[in-house]
Amino acid sequence: MIRLFLVDDHTVLRDGLRALFQQHAELQVVGEAENGAQLLAQLPDTPCDVVLLDLHMPELDGLATTQRLHTEFPEVRVLILSMADHERAIGQVLAAGAAGYVLKNAGHDEIVVGVRTVAAGKRFLCSELGLTMLEKVLTGVPDAAKPTSGLTAREQEILRLVADGLTTAQIADKLFTSPRTVETHRQHIMEKTGTKNTAALVKEAMSQGWLT
């Protein structure tokens, strides 16, 4: 029997996961929480094998929770289930002690396989993330990009997301940073490119071939 603890601030998602795991006799949901603080308060009285953990939650997020679990409950395996697909966020949480990472849009079968894999003491990365990262390695992204007027790697990254139409808040969420940091980078990008607004910045980037 694999004992599972579900941690996500969306009740509908937890309900769906519970229904999924009820279809498998060897998987038992023993607890639920809306954030890391609630999880840590319950764990001493609710032994479990695997914590299925979201990254973005109020009070205590997934990264901080993973760090606490790794220190205070080292026997518990952590499987991240999140929409965040940026390499930096994934790398941070795996370095913090998570045993696996699955995107929320993964198929039900893959989520179950992920749970079984980390419960068995192995590491797991969902197929979509694995293939995407492999493709970037094989194609040399982002090294293949054209020079971008002295922009740093992070500024180039933000420039591409701005061109994709993402808001400051969306970029901050995707890059696992704060909106204020994103705004600072945007200002530096405009200063380096000599542009005055987002429309002019995107036009300049396209004309220079920086977005290809």
N, C-alpha and C. Protein backbone atom coordinates (compact mmCIF):
# COMPACT_ATOMS: atom_id res chain seq x y z
N MET A 1 0.84 -1.20 0.00
CA MET A 1 0.00 0.00 0.00
C MET A 1 0.88 1.26 0.00
N ILE A 2 0.58 2.19 -0.90
CA ILE A 2 1.28 3.48 -0.95
C ILE A 2 0.36 4.54 -0.37
N ARG A 3 0.79 5.16 0.72
CA ARG A 3 -0.01 6.18 1.39
C ARG A 3 0.32 7.55 0.81
N LEU A 4 -0.72 8.26 0.33
CA LEU A 4 -0.54 9.53 -0.36
C LEU A 4 -1.12 10.69 0.44
N PHE A 5 -0.43 11.83 0.35
CA PHE A 5 -0.94 13.07 0.95
C PHE A 5 -1.02 14.10 -0.17
N LEU A 6 -2.22 14.66 -0.40
CA LEU A 6 -2.44 15.61 -1.49
C LEU A 6 -2.36 17.04 -0.97
N VAL A 7 -1.54 17.87 -1.62
CA VAL A 7 -1.37 19.26 -1.18
C VAL A 7 -1.54 20.19 -2.38
N ASP A 8 -2.67 20.89 -2.42
CA ASP A 8 -2.97 21.84 -3.49
C ASP A 8 -4.07 22.77 -2.99
N ASP A 9 -3.99 24.04 -3.35
CA ASP A 9 -4.98 24.99 -2.84
C ASP A 9 -6.28 24.98 -3.63
N HIS A 10 -6.40 24.10 -4.61
CA HIS A 10 -7.64 23.98 -5.39
C HIS A 10 -8.37 22.69 -5.01
N THR A 11 -9.52 22.84 -4.38
CA THR A 11 -10.29 21.68 -3.91
C THR A 11 -10.71 20.77 -5.06
N VAL A 12 -11.07 21.36 -6.19
CA VAL A 12 -11.52 20.57 -7.34
C VAL A 12 -10.41 19.63 -7.81
N LEU A 13 -9.19 20.13 -7.84
CA LEU A 13 -8.07 19.29 -8.26
C LEU A 13 -7.85 18.15 -7.28
N ARG A 14 -7.89 18.45 -6.00
CA ARG A 14 -7.71 17.39 -4.99
C ARG A 14 -8.80 16.34 -5.11
N ASP A 15 -10.02 16.79 -5.35
CA ASP A 15 -11.13 15.85 -5.52
C ASP A 15 -10.88 14.92 -6.71
N GLY A 16 -10.40 15.51 -7.81
CA GLY A 16 -10.12 14.71 -9.00
C GLY A 16 -9.01 13.70 -8.77
N LEU A 17 -7.97 14.12 -8.06
CA LEU A 17 -6.86 13.20 -7.77
C LEU A 17 -7.31 12.07 -6.85
N ARG A 18 -8.12 12.41 -5.84
CA ARG A 18 -8.61 11.38 -4.93
C ARG A 18 -9.42 10.34 -5.69
N ALA A 19 -10.28 10.81 -6.60
CA ALA A 19 -11.09 9.89 -7.40
C ALA A 19 -10.21 9.01 -8.28
N LEU A 20 -9.14 9.60 -8.83
CA LEU A 20 -8.21 8.84 -9.66
C LEU A 20 -7.54 7.74 -8.86
N PHE A 21 -7.02 8.07 -7.69
CA PHE A 21 -6.28 7.10 -6.90
C PHE A 21 -7.17 6.03 -6.31
N GLN A 22 -8.46 6.33 -6.13
CA GLN A 22 -9.39 5.33 -5.62
C GLN A 22 -9.60 4.18 -6.60
N GLN A 23 -9.21 4.39 -7.85
CA GLN A 23 -9.33 3.35 -8.86
C GLN A 23 -8.20 2.32 -8.77
N HIS A 24 -7.22 2.61 -7.91
CA HIS A 24 -6.05 1.72 -7.77
C HIS A 24 -5.95 1.25 -6.33
N ALA A 25 -6.08 -0.04 -6.14
CA ALA A 25 -6.19 -0.61 -4.80
C ALA A 25 -4.95 -0.36 -3.94
N GLU A 26 -3.79 -0.22 -4.58
CA GLU A 26 -2.55 -0.07 -3.81
C GLU A 26 -2.26 1.39 -3.43
N LEU A 27 -3.13 2.33 -3.87
CA LEU A 27 -2.93 3.74 -3.58
C LEU A 27 -4.01 4.23 -2.61
N GLN A 28 -3.59 4.80 -1.51
CA GLN A 28 -4.53 5.27 -0.49
C GLN A 28 -4.24 6.72 -0.12
N VAL A 29 -5.22 7.60 -0.27
CA VAL A 29 -5.08 9.00 0.13
C VAL A 29 -5.35 9.07 1.63
N VAL A 30 -4.32 9.46 2.40
CA VAL A 30 -4.46 9.48 3.86
C VAL A 30 -4.63 10.90 4.40
N GLY A 31 -4.41 11.92 3.54
CA GLY A 31 -4.55 13.28 4.03
C GLY A 31 -4.56 14.29 2.91
N GLU A 32 -5.09 15.49 3.20
CA GLU A 32 -5.14 16.58 2.23
C GLU A 32 -4.84 17.90 2.93
N ALA A 33 -4.27 18.84 2.18
CA ALA A 33 -3.97 20.16 2.72
C ALA A 33 -4.01 21.18 1.59
N GLU A 34 -4.25 22.45 1.96
CA GLU A 34 -4.31 23.52 0.97
C GLU A 34 -2.96 24.20 0.78
N ASN A 35 -2.02 23.96 1.69
CA ASN A 35 -0.70 24.58 1.57
C ASN A 35 0.30 23.79 2.41
N GLY A 36 1.57 24.18 2.29
CA GLY A 36 2.62 23.47 2.99
C GLY A 36 2.51 23.53 4.50
N ALA A 37 2.04 24.67 5.03
CA ALA A 37 1.92 24.81 6.47
C ALA A 37 0.93 23.80 7.04
N GLN A 38 -0.20 23.62 6.36
CA GLN A 38 -1.19 22.64 6.81
C GLN A 38 -0.63 21.22 6.74
N LEU A 39 0.10 20.94 5.68
CA LEU A 39 0.72 19.62 5.53
C LEU A 39 1.65 19.32 6.69
N LEU A 40 2.57 20.24 6.98
CA LEU A 40 3.56 20.01 8.02
C LEU A 40 2.92 19.87 9.40
N ALA A 41 1.78 20.53 9.60
CA ALA A 41 1.07 20.43 10.88
C ALA A 41 0.44 19.05 11.05
N GLN A 42 0.04 18.42 9.93
CA GLN A 42 -0.65 17.13 9.99
C GLN A 42 0.27 15.92 9.93
N LEU A 43 1.44 16.08 9.29
CA LEU A 43 2.30 14.92 9.05
C LEU A 43 2.71 14.15 10.31
N PRO A 44 2.99 14.80 11.43
CA PRO A 44 3.39 14.00 12.61
C PRO A 44 2.34 12.98 13.02
N ASP A 45 1.07 13.26 12.75
CA ASP A 45 -0.01 12.34 13.11
C ASP A 45 -0.59 11.60 11.92
N THR A 46 -0.03 11.86 10.72
CA THR A 46 -0.55 11.23 9.50
C THR A 46 0.60 10.69 8.67
N PRO A 47 1.13 9.54 9.02
CA PRO A 47 2.25 8.97 8.27
C PRO A 47 1.88 8.75 6.80
N CYS A 48 2.80 9.05 5.91
CA CYS A 48 2.55 8.82 4.48
C CYS A 48 3.86 8.48 3.78
N ASP A 49 3.73 7.96 2.57
CA ASP A 49 4.90 7.56 1.79
C ASP A 49 5.26 8.61 0.73
N VAL A 50 4.22 9.19 0.11
CA VAL A 50 4.42 10.15 -0.97
C VAL A 50 3.54 11.38 -0.75
N VAL A 51 4.15 12.56 -0.88
CA VAL A 51 3.39 13.81 -0.87
C VAL A 51 3.30 14.32 -2.30
N LEU A 52 2.08 14.48 -2.79
CA LEU A 52 1.85 15.04 -4.11
C LEU A 52 1.64 16.54 -3.90
N LEU A 53 2.58 17.35 -4.38
CA LEU A 53 2.69 18.74 -3.93
C LEU A 53 2.67 19.74 -5.09
N ASP A 54 1.82 20.75 -4.97
CA ASP A 54 1.79 21.85 -5.94
C ASP A 54 2.92 22.82 -5.61
N LEU A 55 3.35 23.60 -6.60
CA LEU A 55 4.42 24.58 -6.37
C LEU A 55 3.90 25.90 -5.84
N HIS A 56 2.84 26.43 -6.46
CA HIS A 56 2.36 27.77 -6.13
C HIS A 56 1.15 27.69 -5.22
N MET A 57 1.40 27.97 -3.93
CA MET A 57 0.35 27.93 -2.92
C MET A 57 0.55 29.08 -1.93
N PRO A 58 -0.50 29.50 -1.26
CA PRO A 58 -0.35 30.55 -0.25
C PRO A 58 0.32 30.03 1.01
N GLU A 59 0.82 30.94 1.82
CA GLU A 59 1.43 30.68 3.13
C GLU A 59 2.79 30.00 3.01
N LEU A 60 2.84 28.79 2.51
CA LEU A 60 4.11 28.09 2.35
C LEU A 60 4.07 27.36 1.01
N ASP A 61 4.89 27.83 0.06
CA ASP A 61 4.81 27.30 -1.30
C ASP A 61 5.52 25.95 -1.42
N GLY A 62 5.49 25.41 -2.64
CA GLY A 62 6.03 24.08 -2.86
C GLY A 62 7.53 23.96 -2.63
N LEU A 63 8.28 24.98 -3.04
CA LEU A 63 9.74 24.92 -2.86
C LEU A 63 10.11 24.93 -1.38
N ALA A 64 9.55 25.88 -0.63
CA ALA A 64 9.83 25.96 0.80
C ALA A 64 9.36 24.70 1.53
N THR A 65 8.21 24.18 1.11
CA THR A 65 7.69 22.96 1.74
C THR A 65 8.60 21.77 1.47
N THR A 66 9.09 21.67 0.23
CA THR A 66 10.00 20.57 -0.12
C THR A 66 11.26 20.63 0.72
N GLN A 67 11.79 21.82 0.92
CA GLN A 67 13.00 21.98 1.73
C GLN A 67 12.74 21.54 3.17
N ARG A 68 11.57 21.91 3.71
CA ARG A 68 11.23 21.50 5.08
C ARG A 68 11.05 19.98 5.17
N LEU A 69 10.36 19.41 4.18
CA LEU A 69 10.14 17.95 4.19
C LEU A 69 11.47 17.20 4.12
N HIS A 70 12.36 17.68 3.29
CA HIS A 70 13.66 17.01 3.11
C HIS A 70 14.43 16.99 4.42
N THR A 71 14.27 18.04 5.23
CA THR A 71 14.98 18.14 6.51
C THR A 71 14.27 17.42 7.64
N GLU A 72 12.93 17.64 7.73
CA GLU A 72 12.17 17.16 8.87
C GLU A 72 11.55 15.77 8.68
N PHE A 73 11.26 15.42 7.41
CA PHE A 73 10.65 14.11 7.13
C PHE A 73 11.37 13.48 5.93
N PRO A 74 12.65 13.15 6.09
CA PRO A 74 13.45 12.66 4.96
C PRO A 74 12.94 11.35 4.36
N GLU A 75 12.14 10.61 5.11
CA GLU A 75 11.62 9.34 4.59
C GLU A 75 10.45 9.54 3.63
N VAL A 76 9.87 10.72 3.62
CA VAL A 76 8.72 11.01 2.75
C VAL A 76 9.22 11.41 1.36
N ARG A 77 8.65 10.80 0.33
CA ARG A 77 9.02 11.12 -1.05
C ARG A 77 8.10 12.22 -1.57
N VAL A 78 8.67 13.19 -2.26
CA VAL A 78 7.91 14.33 -2.77
C VAL A 78 7.80 14.25 -4.29
N LEU A 79 6.56 14.28 -4.78
CA LEU A 79 6.30 14.34 -6.22
C LEU A 79 5.59 15.65 -6.50
N ILE A 80 6.24 16.53 -7.24
CA ILE A 80 5.65 17.82 -7.58
C ILE A 80 4.65 17.65 -8.71
N LEU A 81 3.46 18.24 -8.55
CA LEU A 81 2.43 18.23 -9.59
C LEU A 81 2.06 19.69 -9.83
N SER A 82 2.52 20.26 -10.96
CA SER A 82 2.39 21.70 -11.16
C SER A 82 2.23 22.03 -12.64
N MET A 83 1.73 23.24 -12.92
CA MET A 83 1.67 23.75 -14.29
C MET A 83 2.98 24.41 -14.69
N ALA A 84 3.81 24.76 -13.72
CA ALA A 84 5.08 25.44 -14.01
C ALA A 84 6.01 24.50 -14.77
N ASP A 85 6.45 24.94 -15.97
CA ASP A 85 7.29 24.09 -16.80
C ASP A 85 8.65 24.70 -17.10
N HIS A 86 9.02 25.73 -16.32
CA HIS A 86 10.31 26.38 -16.57
C HIS A 86 11.44 25.60 -15.91
N GLU A 87 12.55 25.46 -16.63
CA GLU A 87 13.65 24.63 -16.15
C GLU A 87 14.19 25.09 -14.80
N ARG A 88 14.22 26.40 -14.57
CA ARG A 88 14.78 26.91 -13.32
C ARG A 88 13.94 26.47 -12.13
N ALA A 89 12.61 26.58 -12.26
CA ALA A 89 11.72 26.17 -11.17
C ALA A 89 11.86 24.68 -10.91
N ILE A 90 11.91 23.90 -11.98
CA ILE A 90 12.04 22.45 -11.84
C ILE A 90 13.36 22.09 -11.19
N GLY A 91 14.44 22.72 -11.65
CA GLY A 91 15.76 22.45 -11.09
C GLY A 91 15.84 22.80 -9.62
N GLN A 92 15.23 23.92 -9.23
CA GLN A 92 15.27 24.34 -7.83
C GLN A 92 14.59 23.34 -6.92
N VAL A 93 13.42 22.89 -7.32
CA VAL A 93 12.66 22.00 -6.43
C VAL A 93 13.27 20.60 -6.40
N LEU A 94 13.85 20.15 -7.50
CA LEU A 94 14.54 18.85 -7.49
C LEU A 94 15.80 18.93 -6.63
N ALA A 95 16.50 20.06 -6.71
CA ALA A 95 17.69 20.25 -5.87
C ALA A 95 17.32 20.33 -4.40
N ALA A 96 16.10 20.80 -4.12
CA ALA A 96 15.64 20.92 -2.73
C ALA A 96 15.25 19.58 -2.13
N GLY A 97 15.14 18.56 -2.97
CA GLY A 97 14.84 17.23 -2.43
C GLY A 97 13.66 16.51 -3.03
N ALA A 98 12.96 17.14 -3.98
CA ALA A 98 11.83 16.44 -4.62
C ALA A 98 12.34 15.23 -5.41
N ALA A 99 11.56 14.17 -5.40
CA ALA A 99 11.96 12.95 -6.11
C ALA A 99 11.45 12.91 -7.54
N GLY A 100 10.45 13.76 -7.85
CA GLY A 100 9.91 13.74 -9.20
C GLY A 100 9.09 14.98 -9.50
N TYR A 101 8.76 15.12 -10.78
CA TYR A 101 8.04 16.31 -11.24
C TYR A 101 7.10 15.90 -12.37
N VAL A 102 5.82 16.25 -12.22
CA VAL A 102 4.80 15.93 -13.22
C VAL A 102 3.98 17.17 -13.51
N LEU A 103 3.71 17.43 -14.78
CA LEU A 103 2.85 18.55 -15.15
C LEU A 103 1.39 18.18 -14.92
N LYS A 104 0.59 19.18 -14.57
CA LYS A 104 -0.82 18.92 -14.28
C LYS A 104 -1.60 18.48 -15.52
N ASN A 105 -1.06 18.76 -16.71
CA ASN A 105 -1.76 18.33 -17.92
C ASN A 105 -1.33 16.93 -18.37
N ALA A 106 -0.53 16.26 -17.56
CA ALA A 106 -0.13 14.89 -17.88
C ALA A 106 -1.34 13.96 -17.78
N GLY A 107 -1.27 12.85 -18.46
CA GLY A 107 -2.36 11.88 -18.42
C GLY A 107 -2.46 11.22 -17.05
N HIS A 108 -3.64 10.72 -16.73
CA HIS A 108 -3.84 10.06 -15.44
C HIS A 108 -2.88 8.90 -15.24
N ASP A 109 -2.66 8.13 -16.28
CA ASP A 109 -1.77 6.97 -16.17
C ASP A 109 -0.35 7.40 -15.80
N GLU A 110 0.09 8.52 -16.38
CA GLU A 110 1.45 8.98 -16.11
C GLU A 110 1.58 9.49 -14.67
N ILE A 111 0.55 10.12 -14.15
CA ILE A 111 0.57 10.57 -12.75
C ILE A 111 0.69 9.37 -11.82
N VAL A 112 -0.07 8.33 -12.11
CA VAL A 112 -0.02 7.12 -11.28
C VAL A 112 1.37 6.48 -11.37
N VAL A 113 1.92 6.42 -12.56
CA VAL A 113 3.27 5.86 -12.73
C VAL A 113 4.28 6.69 -11.94
N GLY A 114 4.11 8.01 -11.96
CA GLY A 114 5.01 8.87 -11.20
C GLY A 114 4.96 8.58 -9.71
N VAL A 115 3.77 8.39 -9.19
CA VAL A 115 3.60 8.07 -7.77
C VAL A 115 4.29 6.74 -7.44
N ARG A 116 4.03 5.74 -8.25
CA ARG A 116 4.63 4.42 -8.00
C ARG A 116 6.15 4.47 -8.09
N THR A 117 6.66 5.26 -9.04
CA THR A 117 8.11 5.33 -9.24
C THR A 117 8.82 5.96 -8.06
N VAL A 118 8.32 7.11 -7.60
CA VAL A 118 8.99 7.77 -6.47
C VAL A 118 8.80 6.97 -5.18
N ALA A 119 7.66 6.30 -5.04
CA ALA A 119 7.43 5.47 -3.86
C ALA A 119 8.42 4.31 -3.80
N ALA A 120 8.88 3.88 -4.98
CA ALA A 120 9.84 2.78 -5.05
C ALA A 120 11.28 3.26 -4.85
N GLY A 121 11.44 4.54 -4.55
CA GLY A 121 12.78 5.07 -4.28
C GLY A 121 13.51 5.58 -5.50
N LYS A 122 12.81 5.69 -6.63
CA LYS A 122 13.44 6.17 -7.85
C LYS A 122 13.00 7.61 -8.14
N ARG A 123 13.60 8.21 -9.15
CA ARG A 123 13.26 9.58 -9.53
C ARG A 123 12.39 9.54 -10.80
N PHE A 124 11.58 10.59 -10.97
CA PHE A 124 10.63 10.58 -12.09
C PHE A 124 10.46 11.98 -12.66
N LEU A 125 10.45 12.05 -13.99
CA LEU A 125 10.17 13.28 -14.71
C LEU A 125 9.19 12.94 -15.81
N CYS A 126 8.07 13.67 -15.88
CA CYS A 126 7.04 13.31 -16.87
C CYS A 126 7.60 13.42 -18.28
N SER A 127 7.01 12.69 -19.20
CA SER A 127 7.55 12.56 -20.55
C SER A 127 7.62 13.89 -21.29
N GLU A 128 6.62 14.76 -21.11
CA GLU A 128 6.62 16.04 -21.82
C GLU A 128 7.82 16.89 -21.43
N LEU A 129 8.12 16.96 -20.15
CA LEU A 129 9.26 17.74 -19.69
C LEU A 129 10.57 17.12 -20.16
N GLY A 130 10.66 15.81 -20.06
CA GLY A 130 11.88 15.13 -20.48
C GLY A 130 12.19 15.34 -21.95
N LEU A 131 11.17 15.21 -22.79
CA LEU A 131 11.36 15.39 -24.23
C LEU A 131 11.70 16.84 -24.58
N THR A 132 11.04 17.79 -23.89
CA THR A 132 11.31 19.20 -24.14
C THR A 132 12.75 19.55 -23.79
N MET A 133 13.21 19.10 -22.65
CA MET A 133 14.58 19.39 -22.23
C MET A 133 15.60 18.72 -23.15
N LEU A 134 15.31 17.50 -23.57
CA LEU A 134 16.20 16.80 -24.49
C LEU A 134 16.29 17.55 -25.82
N GLU A 135 15.15 18.03 -26.30
CA GLU A 135 15.13 18.77 -27.57
C GLU A 135 15.98 20.03 -27.47
N LYS A 136 15.91 20.72 -26.34
CA LYS A 136 16.70 21.94 -26.17
C LYS A 136 18.19 21.63 -26.16
N VAL A 137 18.55 20.51 -25.55
CA VAL A 137 19.95 20.11 -25.54
C VAL A 137 20.43 19.78 -26.94
N LEU A 138 19.62 19.02 -27.67
CA LEU A 138 20.01 18.58 -29.01
C LEU A 138 20.06 19.72 -30.02
N THR A 139 19.18 20.72 -29.85
CA THR A 139 19.13 21.83 -30.81
C THR A 139 19.98 23.02 -30.38
N GLY A 140 20.55 22.94 -29.18
CA GLY A 140 21.42 24.02 -28.75
C GLY A 140 20.72 25.26 -28.28
N VAL A 141 19.43 25.20 -27.99
CA VAL A 141 18.69 26.36 -27.48
C VAL A 141 19.17 26.65 -26.06
N PRO A 142 19.42 27.94 -25.67
CA PRO A 142 19.21 29.13 -26.48
C PRO A 142 20.46 29.61 -27.19
N ASP A 143 21.53 28.78 -27.26
CA ASP A 143 22.78 29.23 -27.86
C ASP A 143 22.65 29.58 -29.32
N ALA A 144 21.65 29.01 -29.99
CA ALA A 144 21.49 29.25 -31.42
C ALA A 144 20.89 30.62 -31.72
N ALA A 145 20.39 31.28 -30.69
CA ALA A 145 19.76 32.59 -30.91
C ALA A 145 20.79 33.60 -31.38
N LYS A 146 20.34 34.58 -32.16
CA LYS A 146 21.23 35.62 -32.64
C LYS A 146 21.59 36.56 -31.50
N PRO A 147 22.73 37.28 -31.61
CA PRO A 147 23.11 38.23 -30.57
C PRO A 147 21.98 39.22 -30.32
N THR A 148 21.78 39.56 -29.06
CA THR A 148 20.65 40.41 -28.72
C THR A 148 21.09 41.70 -28.04
N SER A 149 21.88 42.48 -28.69
CA SER A 149 22.23 43.83 -28.26
C SER A 149 22.74 43.87 -26.83
N GLY A 150 23.56 42.89 -26.44
CA GLY A 150 24.16 42.91 -25.12
C GLY A 150 23.24 42.49 -24.00
N LEU A 151 22.10 41.87 -24.30
CA LEU A 151 21.19 41.44 -23.25
C LEU A 151 21.73 40.20 -22.55
N THR A 152 21.47 40.12 -21.25
CA THR A 152 21.85 38.92 -20.51
C THR A 152 20.92 37.77 -20.90
N ALA A 153 21.26 36.55 -20.48
CA ALA A 153 20.43 35.39 -20.79
C ALA A 153 19.03 35.56 -20.20
N ARG A 154 18.93 36.07 -18.97
CA ARG A 154 17.62 36.27 -18.36
C ARG A 154 16.83 37.35 -19.09
N GLU A 155 17.51 38.41 -19.54
CA GLU A 155 16.82 39.47 -20.29
C GLU A 155 16.32 38.95 -21.62
N GLN A 156 17.10 38.09 -22.28
CA GLN A 156 16.65 37.48 -23.53
C GLN A 156 15.40 36.63 -23.28
N GLU A 157 15.42 35.91 -22.18
CA GLU A 157 14.29 35.05 -21.83
C GLU A 157 13.02 35.88 -21.62
N ILE A 158 13.16 36.97 -20.87
CA ILE A 158 12.02 37.84 -20.60
C ILE A 158 11.54 38.51 -21.88
N LEU A 159 12.47 38.90 -22.75
CA LEU A 159 12.10 39.51 -24.02
C LEU A 159 11.22 38.58 -24.83
N ARG A 160 11.57 37.30 -24.88
CA ARG A 160 10.78 36.35 -25.65
C ARG A 160 9.39 36.18 -25.04
N LEU A 161 9.30 36.21 -23.71
CA LEU A 161 7.99 36.07 -23.06
C LEU A 161 7.13 37.31 -23.25
N VAL A 162 7.77 38.48 -23.25
CA VAL A 162 7.05 39.72 -23.54
C VAL A 162 6.48 39.67 -24.96
N ALA A 163 7.30 39.19 -25.89
CA ALA A 163 6.86 39.09 -27.28
C ALA A 163 5.73 38.08 -27.44
N ASP A 164 5.68 37.10 -26.54
CA ASP A 164 4.60 36.10 -26.57
C ASP A 164 3.31 36.65 -25.99
N GLY A 165 3.36 37.88 -25.46
CA GLY A 165 2.15 38.52 -24.95
C GLY A 165 1.87 38.30 -23.48
N LEU A 166 2.83 37.75 -22.73
CA LEU A 166 2.61 37.50 -21.31
C LEU A 166 2.70 38.80 -20.51
N THR A 167 1.90 38.91 -19.48
CA THR A 167 1.94 40.07 -18.59
C THR A 167 3.10 39.92 -17.61
N THR A 168 3.40 41.00 -16.90
CA THR A 168 4.47 40.95 -15.91
C THR A 168 4.20 39.87 -14.87
N ALA A 169 2.96 39.78 -14.39
CA ALA A 169 2.61 38.77 -13.39
C ALA A 169 2.78 37.36 -13.94
N GLN A 170 2.38 37.15 -15.19
CA GLN A 170 2.50 35.82 -15.80
C GLN A 170 3.96 35.44 -15.99
N ILE A 171 4.78 36.41 -16.39
CA ILE A 171 6.22 36.16 -16.57
C ILE A 171 6.85 35.81 -15.23
N ALA A 172 6.50 36.56 -14.19
CA ALA A 172 7.04 36.31 -12.86
C ALA A 172 6.69 34.90 -12.40
N ASP A 173 5.46 34.49 -12.64
CA ASP A 173 5.02 33.16 -12.25
C ASP A 173 5.78 32.09 -13.02
N LYS A 174 5.96 32.31 -14.32
CA LYS A 174 6.62 31.32 -15.16
C LYS A 174 8.11 31.18 -14.82
N LEU A 175 8.73 32.30 -14.44
CA LEU A 175 10.16 32.29 -14.14
C LEU A 175 10.47 32.11 -12.66
N PHE A 176 9.40 31.93 -11.87
CA PHE A 176 9.60 31.67 -10.44
C PHE A 176 10.31 32.84 -9.76
N THR A 177 9.88 34.05 -10.07
CA THR A 177 10.49 35.24 -9.49
C THR A 177 9.39 36.24 -9.17
N SER A 178 9.77 37.46 -8.79
CA SER A 178 8.77 38.46 -8.39
C SER A 178 8.45 39.40 -9.55
N PRO A 179 7.24 39.98 -9.58
CA PRO A 179 6.89 40.97 -10.62
C PRO A 179 7.84 42.15 -10.62
N ARG A 180 8.30 42.57 -9.45
CA ARG A 180 9.23 43.70 -9.38
C ARG A 180 10.54 43.39 -10.10
N THR A 181 11.04 42.17 -9.94
CA THR A 181 12.26 41.77 -10.63
C THR A 181 12.06 41.77 -12.14
N VAL A 182 10.90 41.28 -12.59
CA VAL A 182 10.60 41.27 -14.02
C VAL A 182 10.56 42.68 -14.56
N GLU A 183 9.92 43.61 -13.84
CA GLU A 183 9.83 45.00 -14.28
C GLU A 183 11.22 45.63 -14.38
N THR A 184 12.09 45.31 -13.45
CA THR A 184 13.47 45.82 -13.49
C THR A 184 14.18 45.33 -14.75
N HIS A 185 14.03 44.05 -15.06
CA HIS A 185 14.65 43.50 -16.27
C HIS A 185 14.07 44.17 -17.53
N ARG A 186 12.76 44.38 -17.54
CA ARG A 186 12.13 45.02 -18.71
C ARG A 186 12.69 46.42 -18.92
N GLN A 187 12.91 47.15 -17.84
CA GLN A 187 13.46 48.50 -17.96
C GLN A 187 14.88 48.45 -18.51
N HIS A 188 15.67 47.49 -18.05
CA HIS A 188 17.03 47.35 -18.55
C HIS A 188 17.03 46.99 -20.04
N ILE A 189 16.09 46.12 -20.44
CA ILE A 189 16.00 45.72 -21.84
C ILE A 189 15.70 46.94 -22.72
N MET A 190 14.75 47.75 -22.30
CA MET A 190 14.40 48.94 -23.08
C MET A 190 15.55 49.93 -23.15
N GLU A 191 16.29 50.08 -22.06
CA GLU A 191 17.43 50.98 -22.06
C GLU A 191 18.51 50.49 -23.03
N LYS A 192 18.76 49.19 -23.04
CA LYS A 192 19.80 48.63 -23.91
C LYS A 192 19.41 48.67 -25.38
N THR A 193 18.10 48.52 -25.64
CA THR A 193 17.64 48.50 -27.04
C THR A 193 17.20 49.87 -27.53
N GLY A 194 17.15 50.86 -26.64
CA GLY A 194 16.77 52.21 -27.03
C GLY A 194 15.31 52.34 -27.39
N THR A 195 14.46 51.47 -26.85
CA THR A 195 13.03 51.53 -27.13
C THR A 195 12.29 52.17 -25.95
N LYS A 196 11.09 52.69 -26.24
CA LYS A 196 10.35 53.45 -25.24
C LYS A 196 9.13 52.71 -24.68
N ASN A 197 8.65 51.69 -25.38
CA ASN A 197 7.48 50.96 -24.92
C ASN A 197 7.54 49.52 -25.43
N THR A 198 6.59 48.71 -24.99
CA THR A 198 6.60 47.29 -25.34
C THR A 198 6.44 47.05 -26.83
N ALA A 199 5.56 47.82 -27.47
CA ALA A 199 5.32 47.65 -28.91
C ALA A 199 6.60 47.91 -29.69
N ALA A 200 7.31 48.97 -29.34
CA ALA A 200 8.56 49.30 -30.03
C ALA A 200 9.62 48.25 -29.76
N LEU A 201 9.63 47.73 -28.54
CA LEU A 201 10.61 46.70 -28.17
C LEU A 201 10.39 45.43 -28.99
N VAL A 202 9.15 44.98 -29.08
CA VAL A 202 8.85 43.77 -29.84
C VAL A 202 9.16 43.97 -31.32
N LYS A 203 8.83 45.15 -31.85
CA LYS A 203 9.11 45.45 -33.26
C LYS A 203 10.61 45.40 -33.53
N GLU A 204 11.39 45.97 -32.62
CA GLU A 204 12.85 45.96 -32.78
C GLU A 204 13.40 44.53 -32.70
N ALA A 205 12.89 43.77 -31.75
CA ALA A 205 13.35 42.41 -31.60
C ALA A 205 13.06 41.57 -32.83
N MET A 206 11.88 41.77 -33.42
CA MET A 206 11.51 41.01 -34.62
C MET A 206 12.37 41.42 -35.81
N SER A 207 12.60 42.70 -35.94
CA SER A 207 13.39 43.20 -37.08
C SER A 207 14.83 42.72 -37.01
N GLN A 208 15.34 42.54 -35.80
CA GLN A 208 16.71 42.10 -35.62
C GLN A 208 16.86 40.57 -35.61
N GLY A 209 15.72 39.88 -35.63
CA GLY A 209 15.78 38.42 -35.65
C GLY A 209 16.10 37.79 -34.30
N TRP A 210 15.83 38.55 -33.23
CA TRP A 210 16.16 38.05 -31.89
C TRP A 210 15.17 37.01 -31.38
N LEU A 211 14.00 36.92 -32.01
CA LEU A 211 12.95 36.03 -31.52
C LEU A 211 12.89 34.72 -32.27
N THR A 212 13.76 34.51 -33.22
CA THR A 212 13.73 33.27 -34.00
C THR A 212 14.39 32.13 -33.25
